[in-house]
Amino acid sequence: MYLLLPKPMLIYVFGHELTHALWALLFGGKVKRFKATSKGGHVVTSKSNFLIVLAPYFFPLYVVLTVLGFALGHLLFGWQRYLPWFHLLIGAAYAFHLTLTWHILQTRQSDLSSQGYLFSAVIIFLGNIG
């Protein structure tokens, strides 16, 4: 079924590039340029390391945003009754992360080649099972 459905690549690429940018900021860098289209994207930062480069492959950004959004909503509005929806959204966001990360890993990724394929594979694997 997954193979037959259209893939929301713009949403994935935007999240992918945003993850690079957020991790660069986390490590004290600055974002100089940001571009995301359904065909690909790139971000130029003032700082880079293997965590910044590989973060989109192991950091499920949309899951984190869902958790933060629900936590804020629960804190402000008492969203306890929406807990089943929260669980559904977490599952959907994590499935989105895993399936589209797997899909994109089937193509040549400069992020991986720049860090070395074996090293990247180990970091991505450990990041996703941890």
Foldseek 3Di string as FASTA:
>chain_A
DVVPDDAPQQVLQQQLQVQLQVVCVVVPKHWDDWDTDSVHIHTDIPDDDLCSLLVLLQPLVQLVVLVVVVVVCCVVPVVPVCVVVSVVSNVVSVCSSVVVSVVVVVDDDPSCVVVDVVVSVVCSVVSNVD
